[in-house]
Amino acid sequence: MMQSSPLNLRRAIIWIGRLVLGGIFVYAGFSKLLMPNTHLWPVFVLRFSISMNISSFAQQVESYKMISPEASQVVAHALPFVEIVLGLLLLIGWRFRIWATAITAIMVGFLAVVTRAYLLHMDINCGCFGTPEKLTGMTIVRDGSLSALAVIMTVFAFMEAREPHPWSAPEKA
């Protein structure tokens, strides 16, 4: 009989982190591409709507005043697709520790940028999701909570990788 259960607190937090963060990243990526102009759907071509949304998102990125307008265009064109891919990879779980580390780095980076803008009293939109959202203290709390979940999930994933899985470990006599 096996001595340890295959489900423990670390594995439960890893699963919760995968589902929550993976789902949020996929949603955030799609919302940056599609949501601000949902009233145009399906009248106009999807491509037209996406290009309008990306230019709108580029303005939100530029409003943080951390990078040049050209760099904000690059970020606005790349970030939604990166979020979708990373979210799906996190949900799938293939090479999990790599993608968990990448998502943790992105979440901590988002938290730093949003906190900086909040502390400088910038009256801007967050740019977190497709719909306009003012940057408030709750945005900091939400991003801080998600960043903490990402860090804990990643640390636990590395801890779990060091130990053999209970189902694959040989039984003790």
N, C-alpha and C. Protein backbone atom coordinates (compact mmCIF):
# COMPACT_ATOMS: atom_id res chain seq x y z
N MET A 1 0.84 -1.19 0.00
CA MET A 1 0.00 0.00 0.00
C MET A 1 0.89 1.25 0.00
N MET A 2 0.47 2.25 -0.71
CA MET A 2 1.26 3.48 -0.80
C MET A 2 1.12 4.31 0.46
N GLN A 3 2.25 4.85 0.87
CA GLN A 3 2.27 5.62 2.10
C GLN A 3 1.82 7.07 1.91
N SER A 4 2.09 7.64 0.75
CA SER A 4 1.75 9.05 0.56
C SER A 4 0.69 9.21 -0.52
N SER A 5 -0.06 10.24 -0.39
CA SER A 5 -1.11 10.53 -1.35
C SER A 5 -0.52 11.28 -2.54
N PRO A 6 -1.02 11.03 -3.74
CA PRO A 6 -0.53 11.78 -4.89
C PRO A 6 -0.97 13.24 -4.87
N LEU A 7 -1.95 13.57 -4.05
CA LEU A 7 -2.41 14.95 -3.96
C LEU A 7 -2.02 15.50 -2.59
N ASN A 8 -1.27 16.57 -2.60
CA ASN A 8 -0.92 17.24 -1.36
C ASN A 8 -1.12 18.74 -1.57
N LEU A 9 -0.81 19.53 -0.58
CA LEU A 9 -1.04 20.98 -0.66
C LEU A 9 -0.24 21.62 -1.79
N ARG A 10 1.01 21.21 -1.94
CA ARG A 10 1.83 21.79 -3.02
C ARG A 10 1.22 21.51 -4.39
N ARG A 11 0.83 20.26 -4.62
CA ARG A 11 0.25 19.92 -5.92
C ARG A 11 -1.09 20.62 -6.13
N ALA A 12 -1.85 20.80 -5.08
CA ALA A 12 -3.13 21.52 -5.21
C ALA A 12 -2.89 22.98 -5.58
N ILE A 13 -1.90 23.61 -4.97
CA ILE A 13 -1.59 25.01 -5.29
C ILE A 13 -1.05 25.11 -6.72
N ILE A 14 -0.26 24.14 -7.13
CA ILE A 14 0.24 24.14 -8.52
C ILE A 14 -0.94 24.06 -9.48
N TRP A 15 -1.89 23.18 -9.22
CA TRP A 15 -3.05 23.05 -10.11
C TRP A 15 -3.90 24.31 -10.10
N ILE A 16 -4.12 24.88 -8.94
CA ILE A 16 -4.90 26.13 -8.86
C ILE A 16 -4.18 27.23 -9.62
N GLY A 17 -2.87 27.35 -9.43
CA GLY A 17 -2.10 28.36 -10.15
C GLY A 17 -2.15 28.16 -11.65
N ARG A 18 -2.02 26.91 -12.08
CA ARG A 18 -2.09 26.62 -13.52
C ARG A 18 -3.43 27.05 -14.10
N LEU A 19 -4.50 26.68 -13.43
CA LEU A 19 -5.83 26.99 -13.96
C LEU A 19 -6.13 28.48 -13.91
N VAL A 20 -5.84 29.11 -12.78
CA VAL A 20 -6.15 30.54 -12.62
C VAL A 20 -5.27 31.39 -13.52
N LEU A 21 -3.96 31.24 -13.41
CA LEU A 21 -3.05 32.08 -14.19
C LEU A 21 -3.11 31.76 -15.68
N GLY A 22 -3.20 30.49 -16.02
CA GLY A 22 -3.33 30.13 -17.43
C GLY A 22 -4.61 30.70 -18.04
N GLY A 23 -5.71 30.57 -17.32
CA GLY A 23 -6.98 31.12 -17.80
C GLY A 23 -6.95 32.63 -17.92
N ILE A 24 -6.37 33.29 -16.94
CA ILE A 24 -6.29 34.76 -16.96
C ILE A 24 -5.40 35.23 -18.11
N PHE A 25 -4.29 34.55 -18.33
CA PHE A 25 -3.40 34.96 -19.43
C PHE A 25 -4.08 34.77 -20.79
N VAL A 26 -4.77 33.67 -20.98
CA VAL A 26 -5.47 33.45 -22.25
C VAL A 26 -6.56 34.51 -22.42
N TYR A 27 -7.32 34.75 -21.37
CA TYR A 27 -8.38 35.77 -21.43
C TYR A 27 -7.81 37.16 -21.69
N ALA A 28 -6.73 37.50 -21.01
CA ALA A 28 -6.14 38.83 -21.17
C ALA A 28 -5.62 39.02 -22.59
N GLY A 29 -5.00 38.00 -23.15
CA GLY A 29 -4.50 38.10 -24.52
C GLY A 29 -5.62 38.28 -25.53
N PHE A 30 -6.66 37.45 -25.41
CA PHE A 30 -7.79 37.58 -26.34
C PHE A 30 -8.53 38.90 -26.14
N SER A 31 -8.66 39.35 -24.91
CA SER A 31 -9.39 40.59 -24.67
C SER A 31 -8.64 41.79 -25.24
N LYS A 32 -7.31 41.75 -25.21
CA LYS A 32 -6.54 42.85 -25.80
C LYS A 32 -6.70 42.87 -27.32
N LEU A 33 -6.95 41.72 -27.90
CA LEU A 33 -7.12 41.66 -29.35
C LEU A 33 -8.55 41.97 -29.79
N LEU A 34 -9.54 41.58 -28.99
CA LEU A 34 -10.91 41.61 -29.47
C LEU A 34 -11.87 42.52 -28.72
N MET A 35 -11.70 42.72 -27.43
CA MET A 35 -12.76 43.30 -26.63
C MET A 35 -13.10 44.77 -26.83
N PRO A 36 -12.17 45.67 -26.95
CA PRO A 36 -12.59 47.08 -26.98
C PRO A 36 -13.56 47.40 -28.10
N ASN A 37 -13.52 46.65 -29.17
CA ASN A 37 -14.38 46.94 -30.30
C ASN A 37 -15.39 45.81 -30.55
N THR A 38 -15.95 45.26 -29.49
CA THR A 38 -16.89 44.17 -29.66
C THR A 38 -18.17 44.63 -30.34
N HIS A 39 -18.46 45.94 -30.29
CA HIS A 39 -19.66 46.42 -30.96
C HIS A 39 -19.51 46.37 -32.48
N LEU A 40 -18.30 46.20 -33.01
CA LEU A 40 -18.08 46.09 -34.44
C LEU A 40 -18.29 44.66 -34.93
N TRP A 41 -18.30 43.72 -34.01
CA TRP A 41 -18.39 42.32 -34.39
C TRP A 41 -19.80 41.98 -34.78
N PRO A 42 -20.15 41.23 -35.77
CA PRO A 42 -19.33 40.69 -36.84
C PRO A 42 -19.39 41.54 -38.11
N VAL A 43 -19.78 42.80 -38.00
CA VAL A 43 -19.97 43.65 -39.16
C VAL A 43 -18.66 43.84 -39.92
N PHE A 44 -17.60 44.22 -39.21
CA PHE A 44 -16.33 44.46 -39.87
C PHE A 44 -15.46 43.22 -39.82
N VAL A 45 -14.48 43.21 -40.65
CA VAL A 45 -13.55 42.09 -40.70
C VAL A 45 -12.78 42.03 -39.39
N LEU A 46 -12.56 40.82 -38.91
CA LEU A 46 -11.85 40.62 -37.66
C LEU A 46 -10.48 41.28 -37.68
N ARG A 47 -9.83 41.24 -38.80
CA ARG A 47 -8.49 41.83 -38.90
C ARG A 47 -8.53 43.33 -38.64
N PHE A 48 -9.52 44.01 -39.16
CA PHE A 48 -9.67 45.45 -38.95
C PHE A 48 -9.86 45.73 -37.46
N SER A 49 -10.69 44.93 -36.83
CA SER A 49 -10.96 45.10 -35.40
C SER A 49 -9.70 44.87 -34.58
N ILE A 50 -8.93 43.83 -34.93
CA ILE A 50 -7.71 43.53 -34.19
C ILE A 50 -6.69 44.66 -34.34
N SER A 51 -6.54 45.20 -35.55
CA SER A 51 -5.56 46.28 -35.72
C SER A 51 -5.97 47.52 -34.96
N MET A 52 -7.27 47.80 -34.87
CA MET A 52 -7.73 48.93 -34.06
C MET A 52 -7.45 48.69 -32.58
N ASN A 53 -7.68 47.48 -32.12
CA ASN A 53 -7.45 47.16 -30.71
C ASN A 53 -5.97 47.21 -30.36
N ILE A 54 -5.12 46.74 -31.26
CA ILE A 54 -3.68 46.77 -30.98
C ILE A 54 -3.19 48.22 -30.92
N SER A 55 -3.69 49.08 -31.80
CA SER A 55 -3.25 50.48 -31.74
C SER A 55 -3.77 51.15 -30.46
N SER A 56 -4.96 50.77 -30.03
CA SER A 56 -5.48 51.29 -28.77
C SER A 56 -4.64 50.79 -27.60
N PHE A 57 -4.26 49.52 -27.63
CA PHE A 57 -3.42 48.96 -26.58
C PHE A 57 -2.04 49.60 -26.60
N ALA A 58 -1.52 49.92 -27.77
CA ALA A 58 -0.21 50.59 -27.87
C ALA A 58 -0.26 51.95 -27.18
N GLN A 59 -1.37 52.66 -27.29
CA GLN A 59 -1.51 53.94 -26.61
C GLN A 59 -1.51 53.74 -25.09
N GLN A 60 -2.15 52.67 -24.64
CA GLN A 60 -2.15 52.38 -23.20
C GLN A 60 -0.75 52.04 -22.71
N VAL A 61 -0.01 51.27 -23.49
CA VAL A 61 1.36 50.93 -23.11
C VAL A 61 2.22 52.19 -23.08
N GLU A 62 2.05 53.06 -24.06
CA GLU A 62 2.82 54.29 -24.14
C GLU A 62 2.50 55.24 -22.98
N SER A 63 1.27 55.18 -22.46
CA SER A 63 0.88 56.08 -21.38
C SER A 63 1.66 55.83 -20.08
N TYR A 64 2.27 54.67 -19.94
CA TYR A 64 3.09 54.39 -18.76
C TYR A 64 4.40 55.18 -18.79
N LYS A 65 4.78 55.70 -19.93
CA LYS A 65 5.98 56.54 -20.10
C LYS A 65 7.25 55.84 -19.62
N MET A 66 7.39 54.57 -20.00
CA MET A 66 8.59 53.83 -19.65
C MET A 66 9.41 53.47 -20.87
N ILE A 67 8.75 53.38 -22.03
CA ILE A 67 9.45 53.01 -23.26
C ILE A 67 9.04 53.97 -24.37
N SER A 68 9.79 53.95 -25.44
CA SER A 68 9.53 54.87 -26.56
C SER A 68 8.24 54.45 -27.30
N PRO A 69 7.68 55.36 -28.11
CA PRO A 69 6.49 55.00 -28.88
C PRO A 69 6.72 53.81 -29.82
N GLU A 70 7.90 53.71 -30.38
CA GLU A 70 8.19 52.57 -31.27
C GLU A 70 8.23 51.26 -30.48
N ALA A 71 8.83 51.31 -29.32
CA ALA A 71 8.89 50.11 -28.47
C ALA A 71 7.50 49.73 -27.96
N SER A 72 6.65 50.72 -27.69
CA SER A 72 5.29 50.40 -27.25
C SER A 72 4.49 49.74 -28.36
N GLN A 73 4.78 50.09 -29.61
CA GLN A 73 4.14 49.41 -30.75
C GLN A 73 4.55 47.94 -30.80
N VAL A 74 5.83 47.69 -30.57
CA VAL A 74 6.33 46.31 -30.56
C VAL A 74 5.67 45.52 -29.43
N VAL A 75 5.62 46.12 -28.24
CA VAL A 75 5.00 45.45 -27.09
C VAL A 75 3.53 45.18 -27.36
N ALA A 76 2.83 46.16 -27.92
CA ALA A 76 1.40 46.01 -28.17
C ALA A 76 1.12 44.94 -29.22
N HIS A 77 2.01 44.78 -30.17
CA HIS A 77 1.80 43.75 -31.19
C HIS A 77 2.19 42.36 -30.70
N ALA A 78 3.13 42.27 -29.77
CA ALA A 78 3.62 40.97 -29.33
C ALA A 78 2.93 40.45 -28.07
N LEU A 79 2.67 41.32 -27.10
CA LEU A 79 2.20 40.88 -25.79
C LEU A 79 0.91 40.07 -25.81
N PRO A 80 -0.14 40.46 -26.54
CA PRO A 80 -1.35 39.63 -26.52
C PRO A 80 -1.10 38.20 -26.99
N PHE A 81 -0.30 38.03 -28.02
CA PHE A 81 -0.02 36.69 -28.52
C PHE A 81 0.86 35.90 -27.56
N VAL A 82 1.81 36.57 -26.93
CA VAL A 82 2.66 35.92 -25.93
C VAL A 82 1.80 35.46 -24.74
N GLU A 83 0.87 36.31 -24.32
CA GLU A 83 0.00 35.94 -23.20
C GLU A 83 -0.86 34.73 -23.54
N ILE A 84 -1.40 34.70 -24.74
CA ILE A 84 -2.24 33.56 -25.15
C ILE A 84 -1.41 32.27 -25.17
N VAL A 85 -0.24 32.32 -25.78
CA VAL A 85 0.60 31.13 -25.89
C VAL A 85 1.06 30.65 -24.51
N LEU A 86 1.55 31.59 -23.68
CA LEU A 86 2.00 31.20 -22.34
C LEU A 86 0.85 30.65 -21.50
N GLY A 87 -0.32 31.26 -21.60
CA GLY A 87 -1.47 30.76 -20.86
C GLY A 87 -1.85 29.35 -21.28
N LEU A 88 -1.85 29.09 -22.58
CA LEU A 88 -2.18 27.74 -23.07
C LEU A 88 -1.11 26.73 -22.64
N LEU A 89 0.16 27.11 -22.73
CA LEU A 89 1.23 26.21 -22.31
C LEU A 89 1.15 25.92 -20.81
N LEU A 90 0.76 26.90 -20.03
CA LEU A 90 0.60 26.69 -18.59
C LEU A 90 -0.56 25.74 -18.33
N LEU A 91 -1.66 25.91 -19.06
CA LEU A 91 -2.81 25.03 -18.89
C LEU A 91 -2.49 23.60 -19.33
N ILE A 92 -1.74 23.46 -20.41
CA ILE A 92 -1.38 22.14 -20.90
C ILE A 92 -0.41 21.45 -19.95
N GLY A 93 0.54 22.20 -19.43
CA GLY A 93 1.48 21.65 -18.46
C GLY A 93 2.75 21.08 -19.06
N TRP A 94 2.94 21.19 -20.37
CA TRP A 94 4.15 20.70 -21.01
C TRP A 94 5.31 21.62 -20.67
N ARG A 95 6.43 21.07 -20.19
CA ARG A 95 7.59 21.86 -19.75
C ARG A 95 7.16 22.92 -18.75
N PHE A 96 6.40 22.48 -17.79
CA PHE A 96 5.69 23.37 -16.87
C PHE A 96 6.61 24.35 -16.14
N ARG A 97 7.74 23.89 -15.66
CA ARG A 97 8.61 24.78 -14.87
C ARG A 97 9.13 25.95 -15.69
N ILE A 98 9.38 25.73 -16.98
CA ILE A 98 9.84 26.82 -17.85
C ILE A 98 8.76 27.89 -17.98
N TRP A 99 7.54 27.47 -18.29
CA TRP A 99 6.45 28.42 -18.53
C TRP A 99 5.99 29.06 -17.22
N ALA A 100 6.05 28.33 -16.13
CA ALA A 100 5.71 28.92 -14.83
C ALA A 100 6.70 30.01 -14.46
N THR A 101 7.98 29.78 -14.75
CA THR A 101 8.99 30.79 -14.48
C THR A 101 8.78 32.02 -15.36
N ALA A 102 8.44 31.80 -16.64
CA ALA A 102 8.19 32.93 -17.55
C ALA A 102 6.98 33.74 -17.10
N ILE A 103 5.92 33.07 -16.72
CA ILE A 103 4.71 33.77 -16.27
C ILE A 103 4.98 34.50 -14.97
N THR A 104 5.77 33.92 -14.09
CA THR A 104 6.12 34.60 -12.84
C THR A 104 6.91 35.87 -13.13
N ALA A 105 7.87 35.79 -14.03
CA ALA A 105 8.65 36.98 -14.39
C ALA A 105 7.75 38.06 -15.00
N ILE A 106 6.83 37.67 -15.86
CA ILE A 106 5.92 38.65 -16.47
C ILE A 106 5.01 39.25 -15.41
N MET A 107 4.48 38.43 -14.51
CA MET A 107 3.57 38.95 -13.48
C MET A 107 4.30 39.91 -12.54
N VAL A 108 5.50 39.57 -12.14
CA VAL A 108 6.26 40.47 -11.27
C VAL A 108 6.60 41.76 -12.02
N GLY A 109 6.91 41.66 -13.31
CA GLY A 109 7.14 42.85 -14.12
C GLY A 109 5.90 43.72 -14.24
N PHE A 110 4.75 43.09 -14.49
CA PHE A 110 3.49 43.84 -14.53
C PHE A 110 3.25 44.55 -13.21
N LEU A 111 3.46 43.84 -12.11
CA LEU A 111 3.25 44.43 -10.79
C LEU A 111 4.15 45.63 -10.58
N ALA A 112 5.41 45.53 -10.97
CA ALA A 112 6.34 46.65 -10.80
C ALA A 112 5.91 47.85 -11.64
N VAL A 113 5.51 47.62 -12.87
CA VAL A 113 5.12 48.73 -13.76
C VAL A 113 3.84 49.40 -13.25
N VAL A 114 2.87 48.60 -12.86
CA VAL A 114 1.59 49.15 -12.39
C VAL A 114 1.78 49.88 -11.06
N THR A 115 2.60 49.33 -10.17
CA THR A 115 2.86 49.98 -8.89
C THR A 115 3.58 51.31 -9.09
N ARG A 116 4.54 51.34 -10.00
CA ARG A 116 5.25 52.59 -10.31
C ARG A 116 4.27 53.65 -10.80
N ALA A 117 3.40 53.29 -11.72
CA ALA A 117 2.43 54.24 -12.26
C ALA A 117 1.47 54.72 -11.17
N TYR A 118 1.07 53.82 -10.29
CA TYR A 118 0.15 54.19 -9.22
C TYR A 118 0.82 55.14 -8.23
N LEU A 119 2.07 54.85 -7.88
CA LEU A 119 2.78 55.69 -6.92
C LEU A 119 3.12 57.06 -7.51
N LEU A 120 3.24 57.15 -8.82
CA LEU A 120 3.47 58.43 -9.48
C LEU A 120 2.17 59.18 -9.77
N HIS A 121 1.06 58.64 -9.29
CA HIS A 121 -0.27 59.23 -9.45
C HIS A 121 -0.62 59.49 -10.91
N MET A 122 -0.28 58.54 -11.76
CA MET A 122 -0.63 58.65 -13.17
C MET A 122 -2.10 58.30 -13.34
N ASP A 123 -2.83 59.14 -14.01
CA ASP A 123 -4.26 58.90 -14.26
C ASP A 123 -4.39 58.24 -15.62
N ILE A 124 -4.13 56.92 -15.65
CA ILE A 124 -4.13 56.19 -16.91
C ILE A 124 -4.97 54.93 -16.78
N ASN A 125 -5.23 54.30 -17.91
CA ASN A 125 -5.89 53.01 -17.92
C ASN A 125 -4.85 51.92 -17.68
N CYS A 126 -5.27 50.88 -17.02
CA CYS A 126 -4.35 49.79 -16.67
C CYS A 126 -3.81 49.10 -17.91
N GLY A 127 -4.65 48.79 -18.87
CA GLY A 127 -4.21 48.03 -20.03
C GLY A 127 -4.11 46.55 -19.74
N CYS A 128 -4.64 46.11 -18.60
CA CYS A 128 -4.53 44.71 -18.22
C CYS A 128 -5.42 43.82 -19.08
N PHE A 129 -6.61 44.29 -19.35
CA PHE A 129 -7.56 43.56 -20.17
C PHE A 129 -8.05 44.49 -21.27
N GLY A 130 -8.90 44.01 -22.14
CA GLY A 130 -9.30 44.79 -23.29
C GLY A 130 -10.13 46.02 -22.99
N THR A 131 -10.94 45.96 -21.97
CA THR A 131 -11.80 47.08 -21.66
C THR A 131 -11.03 48.13 -20.85
N PRO A 132 -11.32 49.41 -21.04
CA PRO A 132 -10.62 50.45 -20.27
C PRO A 132 -10.89 50.28 -18.77
N GLU A 133 -9.83 50.33 -18.00
CA GLU A 133 -9.93 50.14 -16.55
C GLU A 133 -8.94 51.11 -15.89
N LYS A 134 -9.46 51.98 -15.05
CA LYS A 134 -8.60 52.94 -14.36
C LYS A 134 -7.64 52.22 -13.43
N LEU A 135 -6.46 52.77 -13.30
CA LEU A 135 -5.44 52.23 -12.42
C LEU A 135 -5.76 52.66 -10.99
N THR A 136 -6.09 51.70 -10.14
CA THR A 136 -6.46 51.98 -8.75
C THR A 136 -5.66 51.09 -7.80
N GLY A 137 -5.90 51.29 -6.53
CA GLY A 137 -5.26 50.44 -5.52
C GLY A 137 -5.68 48.99 -5.66
N MET A 138 -6.92 48.75 -6.09
CA MET A 138 -7.39 47.38 -6.28
C MET A 138 -6.64 46.68 -7.41
N THR A 139 -6.20 47.46 -8.40
CA THR A 139 -5.39 46.88 -9.47
C THR A 139 -4.07 46.37 -8.91
N ILE A 140 -3.49 47.14 -7.98
CA ILE A 140 -2.24 46.73 -7.34
C ILE A 140 -2.46 45.48 -6.51
N VAL A 141 -3.56 45.44 -5.76
CA VAL A 141 -3.87 44.28 -4.92
C VAL A 141 -4.08 43.04 -5.80
N ARG A 142 -4.83 43.19 -6.89
CA ARG A 142 -5.09 42.06 -7.80
C ARG A 142 -3.78 41.57 -8.41
N ASP A 143 -2.97 42.48 -8.94
CA ASP A 143 -1.71 42.06 -9.55
C ASP A 143 -0.75 41.48 -8.51
N GLY A 144 -0.76 42.04 -7.30
CA GLY A 144 0.08 41.49 -6.23
C GLY A 144 -0.33 40.09 -5.84
N SER A 145 -1.63 39.85 -5.76
CA SER A 145 -2.13 38.52 -5.42
C SER A 145 -1.77 37.50 -6.50
N LEU A 146 -1.96 37.90 -7.76
CA LEU A 146 -1.63 37.00 -8.86
C LEU A 146 -0.13 36.76 -8.96
N SER A 147 0.66 37.78 -8.66
CA SER A 147 2.12 37.61 -8.65
C SER A 147 2.55 36.67 -7.53
N ALA A 148 1.94 36.81 -6.37
CA ALA A 148 2.25 35.91 -5.25
C ALA A 148 1.88 34.47 -5.60
N LEU A 149 0.71 34.29 -6.22
CA LEU A 149 0.30 32.94 -6.65
C LEU A 149 1.30 32.38 -7.65
N ALA A 150 1.76 33.21 -8.58
CA ALA A 150 2.72 32.75 -9.58
C ALA A 150 4.04 32.35 -8.94
N VAL A 151 4.52 33.14 -7.99
CA VAL A 151 5.78 32.82 -7.31
C VAL A 151 5.65 31.53 -6.52
N ILE A 152 4.57 31.40 -5.77
CA ILE A 152 4.38 30.19 -4.96
C ILE A 152 4.24 28.96 -5.85
N MET A 153 3.47 29.09 -6.94
CA MET A 153 3.28 27.98 -7.87
C MET A 153 4.63 27.54 -8.46
N THR A 154 5.45 28.50 -8.85
CA THR A 154 6.73 28.17 -9.46
C THR A 154 7.68 27.53 -8.45
N VAL A 155 7.73 28.07 -7.25
CA VAL A 155 8.59 27.48 -6.22
C VAL A 155 8.14 26.05 -5.91
N PHE A 156 6.84 25.85 -5.76
CA PHE A 156 6.33 24.50 -5.49
C PHE A 156 6.60 23.55 -6.65
N ALA A 157 6.53 24.04 -7.87
CA ALA A 157 6.80 23.19 -9.03
C ALA A 157 8.25 22.71 -9.01
N PHE A 158 9.17 23.58 -8.64
CA PHE A 158 10.57 23.17 -8.55
C PHE A 158 10.79 22.23 -7.38
N MET A 159 10.07 22.43 -6.28
CA MET A 159 10.19 21.53 -5.13
C MET A 159 9.65 20.14 -5.48
N GLU A 160 8.53 20.10 -6.19
CA GLU A 160 7.94 18.82 -6.58
C GLU A 160 8.84 18.06 -7.55
N ALA A 161 9.56 18.79 -8.39
CA ALA A 161 10.41 18.14 -9.38
C ALA A 161 11.60 17.44 -8.73
N ARG A 162 11.96 17.85 -7.54
CA ARG A 162 13.10 17.23 -6.85
C ARG A 162 12.74 15.90 -6.21
N GLU A 163 11.45 15.69 -5.95
CA GLU A 163 11.01 14.47 -5.29
C GLU A 163 10.37 13.53 -6.30
N PRO A 164 10.52 12.24 -6.11
CA PRO A 164 9.83 11.31 -7.02
C PRO A 164 8.33 11.35 -6.77
N HIS A 165 7.58 11.15 -7.80
CA HIS A 165 6.12 11.11 -7.65
C HIS A 165 5.75 9.87 -6.86
N PRO A 166 4.77 9.99 -5.95
CA PRO A 166 4.42 8.84 -5.11
C PRO A 166 4.00 7.60 -5.89
N TRP A 167 3.41 7.78 -7.05
CA TRP A 167 2.97 6.61 -7.81
C TRP A 167 4.12 5.93 -8.53
N SER A 168 5.20 6.67 -8.79
CA SER A 168 6.32 6.07 -9.48
C SER A 168 7.43 5.63 -8.52
N ALA A 169 7.34 5.98 -7.28
CA ALA A 169 8.35 5.59 -6.29
C ALA A 169 8.15 4.12 -5.94
N PRO A 170 9.25 3.40 -5.76
CA PRO A 170 9.10 1.99 -5.36
C PRO A 170 8.52 1.88 -3.95
N GLU A 171 7.69 0.86 -3.78
CA GLU A 171 7.07 0.67 -2.46
C GLU A 171 8.10 0.11 -1.49
N LYS A 172 7.96 0.54 -0.25
CA LYS A 172 8.84 0.03 0.80
C LYS A 172 8.22 -1.22 1.40
N ALA A 173 9.05 -2.20 1.66
CA ALA A 173 8.53 -3.46 2.19
C ALA A 173 8.22 -3.39 3.65
